[in-house]
């Protein structure tokens, strides 16, 4: 992963593919100005866009999801004193929930 920020990464993928904003915006069913704001980090990226982006640029959807979800979790925990402990507890909770299914 070259860049850490999902917005920057999407812009990087689009530019490397020499794809205009309008074309990717059309694939994502959003307008060009919205895509521009997404790439600048001024608007949040929608989770449902990730499979389309992965397919369009032939990248691993898992990587996109990890970038997306880690940002969501980070924003929730950024001001928490016990963030690391919360993450460890959440990992255990996920295991518990999966075992219940």
N, C-alpha and C. Protein backbone atom coordinates (compact mmCIF):
# COMPACT_ATOMS: atom_id res chain seq x y z
N UNK A 1 0.85 -1.18 0.00
CA UNK A 1 0.00 0.00 0.00
C UNK A 1 0.89 1.23 0.00
N UNK A 2 0.80 1.98 -1.04
CA UNK A 2 1.66 3.13 -1.19
C UNK A 2 1.21 4.31 -0.33
N UNK A 3 -0.05 4.65 -0.37
CA UNK A 3 -0.56 5.75 0.44
C UNK A 3 -1.48 5.18 1.50
N UNK A 4 -1.56 5.87 2.62
CA UNK A 4 -2.37 5.38 3.74
C UNK A 4 -3.82 5.83 3.61
N UNK A 5 -4.06 6.99 3.07
CA UNK A 5 -5.39 7.57 3.01
C UNK A 5 -6.19 6.99 1.84
N UNK A 6 -7.40 6.51 2.13
CA UNK A 6 -8.23 5.90 1.08
C UNK A 6 -8.56 6.89 -0.03
N UNK A 7 -8.87 8.12 0.33
CA UNK A 7 -9.21 9.14 -0.68
C UNK A 7 -8.05 9.36 -1.63
N UNK A 8 -6.85 9.51 -1.08
CA UNK A 8 -5.66 9.69 -1.91
C UNK A 8 -5.40 8.46 -2.78
N UNK A 9 -5.64 7.30 -2.21
CA UNK A 9 -5.41 6.05 -2.93
C UNK A 9 -6.33 5.93 -4.13
N UNK A 10 -7.59 6.29 -3.95
CA UNK A 10 -8.54 6.24 -5.06
C UNK A 10 -8.12 7.21 -6.16
N UNK A 11 -7.73 8.41 -5.78
CA UNK A 11 -7.25 9.38 -6.77
C UNK A 11 -6.01 8.83 -7.49
N UNK A 12 -5.11 8.23 -6.75
CA UNK A 12 -3.90 7.66 -7.33
C UNK A 12 -4.26 6.56 -8.34
N UNK A 13 -5.19 5.70 -7.98
CA UNK A 13 -5.61 4.64 -8.90
C UNK A 13 -6.21 5.22 -10.18
N UNK A 14 -7.07 6.22 -10.02
CA UNK A 14 -7.72 6.83 -11.18
C UNK A 14 -6.69 7.50 -12.08
N UNK A 15 -5.77 8.24 -11.48
CA UNK A 15 -4.76 8.94 -12.28
C UNK A 15 -3.81 7.97 -12.97
N UNK A 16 -3.43 6.90 -12.27
CA UNK A 16 -2.55 5.90 -12.89
C UNK A 16 -3.23 5.22 -14.08
N UNK A 17 -4.54 5.09 -14.00
CA UNK A 17 -5.30 4.49 -15.11
C UNK A 17 -5.62 5.52 -16.19
N UNK A 18 -5.19 6.75 -15.97
CA UNK A 18 -5.47 7.85 -16.90
C UNK A 18 -6.97 7.97 -17.18
N UNK A 19 -7.74 7.85 -16.10
CA UNK A 19 -9.19 7.90 -16.20
C UNK A 19 -9.69 9.27 -15.75
N UNK A 20 -10.51 9.93 -16.56
CA UNK A 20 -11.05 11.22 -16.14
C UNK A 20 -12.03 11.08 -14.98
N UNK A 21 -12.15 12.13 -14.20
CA UNK A 21 -13.09 12.17 -13.08
C UNK A 21 -14.49 11.76 -13.53
N UNK A 22 -14.92 12.30 -14.65
CA UNK A 22 -16.29 12.06 -15.10
C UNK A 22 -16.58 10.59 -15.35
N UNK A 23 -15.58 9.83 -15.82
CA UNK A 23 -15.80 8.41 -16.11
C UNK A 23 -15.96 7.61 -14.82
N UNK A 24 -15.08 7.83 -13.85
CA UNK A 24 -15.21 7.12 -12.58
C UNK A 24 -16.48 7.55 -11.87
N UNK A 25 -16.80 8.83 -11.93
CA UNK A 25 -18.03 9.33 -11.30
C UNK A 25 -19.25 8.62 -11.89
N UNK A 26 -19.24 8.43 -13.20
CA UNK A 26 -20.36 7.74 -13.85
C UNK A 26 -20.46 6.29 -13.38
N UNK A 27 -19.33 5.61 -13.26
CA UNK A 27 -19.32 4.23 -12.79
C UNK A 27 -19.86 4.12 -11.36
N UNK A 28 -19.55 5.14 -10.56
CA UNK A 28 -20.00 5.14 -9.16
C UNK A 28 -21.40 5.72 -8.99
N UNK A 29 -21.96 6.20 -10.09
CA UNK A 29 -23.29 6.82 -10.09
C UNK A 29 -23.37 8.03 -9.17
N UNK A 30 -22.33 8.87 -9.26
CA UNK A 30 -22.28 10.13 -8.54
C UNK A 30 -21.83 11.20 -9.51
N UNK A 31 -22.01 12.47 -9.14
CA UNK A 31 -21.55 13.51 -10.06
C UNK A 31 -20.06 13.77 -9.87
N UNK A 32 -19.49 14.40 -10.85
CA UNK A 32 -18.06 14.65 -10.90
C UNK A 32 -17.59 15.47 -9.71
N UNK A 33 -18.35 16.48 -9.31
CA UNK A 33 -17.93 17.31 -8.18
C UNK A 33 -17.92 16.52 -6.88
N UNK A 34 -18.84 15.57 -6.73
CA UNK A 34 -18.86 14.72 -5.54
C UNK A 34 -17.62 13.84 -5.50
N UNK A 35 -17.26 13.26 -6.63
CA UNK A 35 -16.05 12.43 -6.70
C UNK A 35 -14.82 13.27 -6.37
N UNK A 36 -14.77 14.46 -6.88
CA UNK A 36 -13.64 15.34 -6.59
C UNK A 36 -13.52 15.59 -5.08
N UNK A 37 -14.65 15.81 -4.43
CA UNK A 37 -14.65 16.02 -2.97
C UNK A 37 -14.25 14.74 -2.23
N UNK A 38 -14.68 13.59 -2.73
CA UNK A 38 -14.28 12.32 -2.12
C UNK A 38 -12.77 12.14 -2.20
N UNK A 39 -12.21 12.44 -3.36
CA UNK A 39 -10.76 12.28 -3.55
C UNK A 39 -9.95 13.26 -2.71
N UNK A 40 -10.52 14.39 -2.40
CA UNK A 40 -9.84 15.38 -1.56
C UNK A 40 -10.10 15.15 -0.07
N UNK A 41 -10.92 14.17 0.24
CA UNK A 41 -11.23 13.88 1.63
C UNK A 41 -12.24 14.82 2.25
N UNK A 42 -12.96 15.56 1.42
CA UNK A 42 -13.94 16.52 1.90
C UNK A 42 -15.31 15.89 2.10
N UNK A 43 -15.52 14.71 1.55
CA UNK A 43 -16.77 13.96 1.72
C UNK A 43 -16.41 12.52 2.02
N UNK A 44 -17.23 11.85 2.81
CA UNK A 44 -16.91 10.46 3.13
C UNK A 44 -17.18 9.52 1.95
N UNK A 45 -16.37 8.52 1.85
CA UNK A 45 -16.54 7.50 0.83
C UNK A 45 -17.60 6.52 1.31
N UNK A 46 -18.46 6.12 0.43
CA UNK A 46 -19.53 5.18 0.74
C UNK A 46 -19.00 3.75 0.62
N UNK A 47 -19.30 2.92 1.58
CA UNK A 47 -18.83 1.53 1.60
C UNK A 47 -19.23 0.77 0.33
N UNK A 48 -20.41 1.09 -0.21
CA UNK A 48 -20.90 0.39 -1.39
C UNK A 48 -20.09 0.71 -2.65
N UNK A 49 -19.28 1.75 -2.61
CA UNK A 49 -18.45 2.11 -3.76
C UNK A 49 -17.23 1.20 -3.89
N UNK A 50 -16.82 0.58 -2.81
CA UNK A 50 -15.56 -0.16 -2.79
C UNK A 50 -15.50 -1.32 -3.79
N UNK A 51 -16.54 -2.15 -3.91
CA UNK A 51 -16.46 -3.22 -4.92
C UNK A 51 -16.33 -2.68 -6.34
N UNK A 52 -16.99 -1.59 -6.63
CA UNK A 52 -16.92 -0.99 -7.96
C UNK A 52 -15.51 -0.48 -8.23
N UNK A 53 -14.94 0.19 -7.24
CA UNK A 53 -13.58 0.72 -7.38
C UNK A 53 -12.59 -0.44 -7.55
N UNK A 54 -12.74 -1.48 -6.74
CA UNK A 54 -11.84 -2.63 -6.84
C UNK A 54 -11.90 -3.27 -8.22
N UNK A 55 -13.10 -3.46 -8.73
CA UNK A 55 -13.27 -4.08 -10.04
C UNK A 55 -12.73 -3.16 -11.15
N UNK A 56 -13.03 -1.88 -11.04
CA UNK A 56 -12.62 -0.92 -12.07
C UNK A 56 -11.11 -0.87 -12.22
N UNK A 57 -10.40 -0.89 -11.09
CA UNK A 57 -8.94 -0.74 -11.13
C UNK A 57 -8.20 -2.05 -10.88
N UNK A 58 -8.96 -3.16 -10.84
CA UNK A 58 -8.36 -4.47 -10.65
C UNK A 58 -7.44 -4.51 -9.43
N UNK A 59 -7.98 -4.03 -8.30
CA UNK A 59 -7.26 -4.09 -7.04
C UNK A 59 -8.05 -4.96 -6.07
N UNK A 60 -7.39 -5.39 -5.03
CA UNK A 60 -8.00 -6.25 -4.03
C UNK A 60 -9.04 -5.47 -3.22
N UNK A 61 -10.28 -5.93 -3.25
CA UNK A 61 -11.34 -5.27 -2.49
C UNK A 61 -11.02 -5.29 -1.00
N UNK A 62 -10.37 -6.35 -0.55
CA UNK A 62 -9.99 -6.46 0.87
C UNK A 62 -9.16 -5.26 1.30
N UNK A 63 -8.21 -4.86 0.49
CA UNK A 63 -7.36 -3.72 0.82
C UNK A 63 -8.19 -2.44 0.98
N UNK A 64 -9.13 -2.24 0.07
CA UNK A 64 -9.99 -1.07 0.15
C UNK A 64 -10.86 -1.10 1.40
N UNK A 65 -11.41 -2.26 1.70
CA UNK A 65 -12.27 -2.39 2.88
C UNK A 65 -11.47 -2.15 4.15
N UNK A 66 -10.26 -2.68 4.20
CA UNK A 66 -9.41 -2.47 5.38
C UNK A 66 -9.12 -0.98 5.56
N UNK A 67 -8.78 -0.30 4.49
CA UNK A 67 -8.52 1.15 4.58
C UNK A 67 -9.78 1.88 5.05
N UNK A 68 -10.91 1.52 4.48
CA UNK A 68 -12.18 2.17 4.81
C UNK A 68 -12.56 1.94 6.27
N UNK A 69 -12.57 0.69 6.69
CA UNK A 69 -13.01 0.36 8.05
C UNK A 69 -12.02 0.85 9.10
N UNK A 70 -10.74 0.79 8.81
CA UNK A 70 -9.76 1.26 9.79
C UNK A 70 -9.92 2.75 10.05
N UNK A 71 -10.28 3.50 9.02
CA UNK A 71 -10.53 4.93 9.20
C UNK A 71 -11.77 5.14 10.08
N UNK A 72 -12.81 4.34 9.85
CA UNK A 72 -14.03 4.46 10.64
C UNK A 72 -13.73 4.19 12.12
N UNK A 73 -13.01 3.12 12.37
CA UNK A 73 -12.67 2.75 13.75
C UNK A 73 -11.76 3.80 14.37
N UNK A 74 -10.78 4.26 13.61
CA UNK A 74 -9.84 5.25 14.14
C UNK A 74 -10.56 6.53 14.58
N UNK A 75 -11.49 7.00 13.76
CA UNK A 75 -12.24 8.20 14.13
C UNK A 75 -13.08 7.99 15.39
N UNK A 76 -13.57 6.78 15.58
CA UNK A 76 -14.36 6.49 16.79
C UNK A 76 -13.48 6.46 18.03
N UNK A 77 -12.23 6.03 17.89
CA UNK A 77 -11.36 5.81 19.05
C UNK A 77 -10.28 6.86 19.26
N UNK A 78 -10.16 7.81 18.36
CA UNK A 78 -9.03 8.73 18.40
C UNK A 78 -8.88 9.45 19.75
N UNK A 79 -9.95 9.77 20.40
CA UNK A 79 -9.87 10.50 21.67
C UNK A 79 -10.04 9.60 22.89
N UNK A 80 -10.13 8.31 22.68
CA UNK A 80 -10.30 7.38 23.79
C UNK A 80 -8.97 7.06 24.45
N UNK A 81 -8.94 7.20 25.74
CA UNK A 81 -7.72 6.93 26.52
C UNK A 81 -7.31 5.46 26.40
N UNK A 82 -8.29 4.58 26.29
CA UNK A 82 -8.03 3.14 26.30
C UNK A 82 -8.24 2.52 24.92
N UNK A 83 -7.88 3.24 23.88
CA UNK A 83 -8.14 2.80 22.50
C UNK A 83 -7.57 1.41 22.21
N UNK A 84 -6.33 1.17 22.60
CA UNK A 84 -5.72 -0.14 22.31
C UNK A 84 -6.44 -1.26 23.04
N UNK A 85 -6.83 -1.00 24.27
CA UNK A 85 -7.56 -2.02 25.03
C UNK A 85 -8.94 -2.26 24.41
N UNK A 86 -9.56 -1.21 23.94
CA UNK A 86 -10.86 -1.34 23.28
C UNK A 86 -10.73 -2.19 22.02
N UNK A 87 -9.68 -1.97 21.25
CA UNK A 87 -9.48 -2.77 20.03
C UNK A 87 -9.27 -4.24 20.36
N UNK A 88 -8.51 -4.51 21.40
CA UNK A 88 -8.31 -5.90 21.81
C UNK A 88 -9.62 -6.54 22.26
N UNK A 89 -10.39 -5.80 23.03
CA UNK A 89 -11.69 -6.31 23.50
C UNK A 89 -12.64 -6.51 22.32
N UNK A 90 -12.59 -5.62 21.35
CA UNK A 90 -13.45 -5.74 20.17
C UNK A 90 -13.08 -6.99 19.38
N UNK A 91 -11.80 -7.28 19.28
CA UNK A 91 -11.36 -8.48 18.59
C UNK A 91 -11.95 -9.73 19.26
N UNK A 92 -11.92 -9.75 20.57
CA UNK A 92 -12.51 -10.87 21.31
C UNK A 92 -14.02 -10.93 21.11
N UNK A 93 -14.65 -9.78 21.09
CA UNK A 93 -16.11 -9.71 20.88
C UNK A 93 -16.48 -10.24 19.50
N UNK A 94 -15.68 -9.91 18.51
CA UNK A 94 -15.93 -10.41 17.15
C UNK A 94 -15.84 -11.93 17.12
N UNK A 95 -14.85 -12.48 17.77
CA UNK A 95 -14.71 -13.94 17.84
C UNK A 95 -15.94 -14.55 18.50
N UNK A 96 -16.38 -13.95 19.59
CA UNK A 96 -17.55 -14.45 20.31
C UNK A 96 -18.80 -14.42 19.42
N UNK A 97 -19.01 -13.32 18.75
CA UNK A 97 -20.18 -13.16 17.88
C UNK A 97 -20.14 -14.19 16.75
N UNK A 98 -18.98 -14.37 16.15
CA UNK A 98 -18.86 -15.34 15.06
C UNK A 98 -19.15 -16.76 15.54
N UNK A 99 -18.73 -17.07 16.76
CA UNK A 99 -18.99 -18.40 17.31
C UNK A 99 -20.47 -18.61 17.62
N UNK A 100 -21.20 -17.53 17.86
CA UNK A 100 -22.63 -17.62 18.15
C UNK A 100 -23.46 -17.90 16.90
N UNK A 101 -22.91 -17.57 15.75
CA UNK A 101 -23.65 -17.74 14.49
C UNK A 101 -23.65 -19.17 14.01
